Amino acid sequence: MYNPSNSDVIVVKRILRYLARTITFYYRFCVLLGGNIVSWSSKKQPTMSKSSTEVEYRALATVAVEVTWVQFLLRDIHVHLPYTPLALCDNISATYLAYNLVLHSKIMQGT
């Protein structure tokens, strides 16, 4: 608009406030067994994180819980896994964080 009126500005601000309230972040994962999906999830991020590394790390932790549950379930029905489950992550910082406990304590304390 070349010359917006006050009512136009108010409407635009209202739209922007609405969009800011409706933006949500999700993390998604699936658990594969022999190339077949046995479990999947798409969860709304419960807390606001300071970085994508923290979001990815939380998602890795959720995946670890889900994979552990699948392992116990398979063990209970006497199915032996011939390999150790593997969690893949496309965020290199989150991967380093998962392997280095010193980094873990620093990021979780916010320092």
Protein backbone atom coordinates (compact mmCIF):
# COMPACT_ATOMS: atom_id res chain seq x y z
CA MET A 1 0.00 0.00 0.00
CA TYR A 2 1.32 3.37 -0.96
CA ASN A 3 -0.36 5.40 1.78
CA PRO A 4 -1.65 3.13 4.59
CA SER A 5 -4.20 4.56 6.99
CA ASN A 6 -4.19 4.04 10.75
CA SER A 7 -6.84 1.33 10.44
CA ASP A 8 -4.65 -0.50 7.88
CA VAL A 9 -1.70 -0.45 10.29
CA ILE A 10 -3.91 -1.73 13.12
CA VAL A 11 -5.14 -4.61 10.95
CA VAL A 12 -1.58 -5.54 9.93
CA LYS A 13 -0.44 -5.48 13.59
CA ARG A 14 -3.38 -7.70 14.54
CA ILE A 15 -2.45 -10.20 11.82
CA LEU A 16 1.20 -10.23 12.90
CA ARG A 17 0.23 -10.79 16.56
CA TYR A 18 -2.01 -13.68 15.51
CA LEU A 19 0.77 -15.26 13.47
CA ALA A 20 3.25 -14.87 16.34
CA ARG A 21 0.88 -16.76 18.67
CA THR A 22 0.21 -19.55 16.20
CA ILE A 23 3.81 -20.38 15.26
CA THR A 24 4.66 -23.74 16.76
CA PHE A 25 7.67 -25.97 16.42
CA TYR A 26 7.55 -29.73 16.04
CA TYR A 27 10.07 -32.48 16.06
CA ARG A 28 9.39 -35.64 14.11
CA PHE A 29 10.98 -39.05 14.08
CA CYS A 30 10.32 -42.62 13.08
CA VAL A 31 11.74 -45.92 14.31
CA LEU A 32 12.59 -48.41 11.59
CA LEU A 33 13.04 -52.14 11.99
CA GLY A 34 14.39 -53.90 8.92
CA GLY A 35 13.40 -50.96 6.74
CA ASN A 36 9.83 -50.93 8.06
CA ILE A 37 8.38 -48.20 10.26
CA VAL A 38 7.37 -49.69 13.63
CA SER A 39 6.88 -46.41 15.48
CA TRP A 40 6.66 -42.74 14.60
CA SER A 41 5.90 -39.48 16.31
CA SER A 42 5.36 -35.83 15.58
CA LYS A 43 5.33 -33.82 18.76
CA LYS A 44 4.86 -30.18 19.48
CA GLN A 45 7.93 -28.82 21.20
CA PRO A 46 6.87 -28.49 24.87
CA THR A 47 9.32 -25.72 25.73
CA MET A 48 10.92 -22.91 23.78
CA SER A 49 14.59 -23.62 23.21
CA LYS A 50 17.37 -21.14 22.74
CA SER A 51 18.94 -22.94 19.79
CA SER A 52 18.29 -25.55 17.14
CA THR A 53 21.00 -27.67 18.79
CA GLU A 54 18.95 -27.87 21.98
CA VAL A 55 15.80 -28.76 20.02
CA GLU A 56 17.62 -31.51 18.12
CA TYR A 57 19.18 -32.81 21.35
CA ARG A 58 15.76 -33.04 23.00
CA ALA A 59 14.47 -34.88 19.94
CA LEU A 60 17.40 -37.32 20.17
CA ALA A 61 16.56 -37.95 23.81
CA THR A 62 12.94 -38.67 22.86
CA VAL A 63 14.11 -41.04 20.12
CA ALA A 64 16.34 -42.84 22.63
CA VAL A 65 13.37 -43.40 24.93
CA GLU A 66 11.22 -44.68 22.05
CA VAL A 67 13.93 -47.03 20.76
CA THR A 68 14.50 -48.39 24.27
CA TRP A 69 10.78 -49.08 24.58
CA VAL A 70 10.75 -50.91 21.21
CA GLN A 71 13.78 -52.96 22.31
CA PHE A 72 12.06 -54.01 25.54
CA LEU A 73 8.87 -54.83 23.66
CA LEU A 74 10.77 -57.02 21.19
CA ARG A 75 12.68 -58.71 24.01
CA ASP A 76 9.40 -59.49 25.79
CA ILE A 77 8.10 -61.29 22.69
CA HIS A 78 11.46 -63.09 22.29
CA VAL A 79 12.67 -61.24 19.19
CA HIS A 80 16.44 -60.79 19.15
CA LEU A 81 17.89 -57.77 17.36
CA PRO A 82 21.07 -58.76 15.50
CA TYR A 83 22.40 -55.19 15.66
CA THR A 84 22.50 -52.23 18.01
CA PRO A 85 19.87 -49.59 17.20
CA LEU A 86 21.26 -46.44 15.63
CA ALA A 87 19.89 -42.91 16.01
CA LEU A 88 20.65 -40.57 13.13
CA CYS A 89 20.65 -36.80 13.46
CA ASP A 90 21.24 -34.14 10.81
CA ASN A 91 22.49 -31.54 13.31
CA ILE A 92 26.22 -31.99 13.91
CA SER A 93 26.16 -29.85 17.07
CA ALA A 94 23.45 -32.01 18.64
CA THR A 95 25.43 -35.12 17.70
CA TYR A 96 28.56 -33.76 19.43
CA LEU A 97 26.43 -32.79 22.41
CA ALA A 98 25.06 -36.33 22.71
CA TYR A 99 28.58 -37.79 22.80
CA ASN A 100 30.25 -35.21 25.05
CA LEU A 101 28.86 -35.01 28.59
CA VAL A 102 30.88 -31.87 29.37
CA LEU A 103 29.10 -29.98 26.58
CA HIS A 104 25.79 -31.42 27.79
CA SER A 105 26.16 -29.93 31.26
CA LYS A 106 27.15 -26.53 29.84
CA ILE A 107 24.24 -26.17 27.42
CA MET A 108 21.64 -27.43 29.90
CA GLN A 109 22.79 -24.82 32.45
CA GLY A 110 22.54 -22.08 29.87
CA THR A 111 26.21 -21.04 30.04
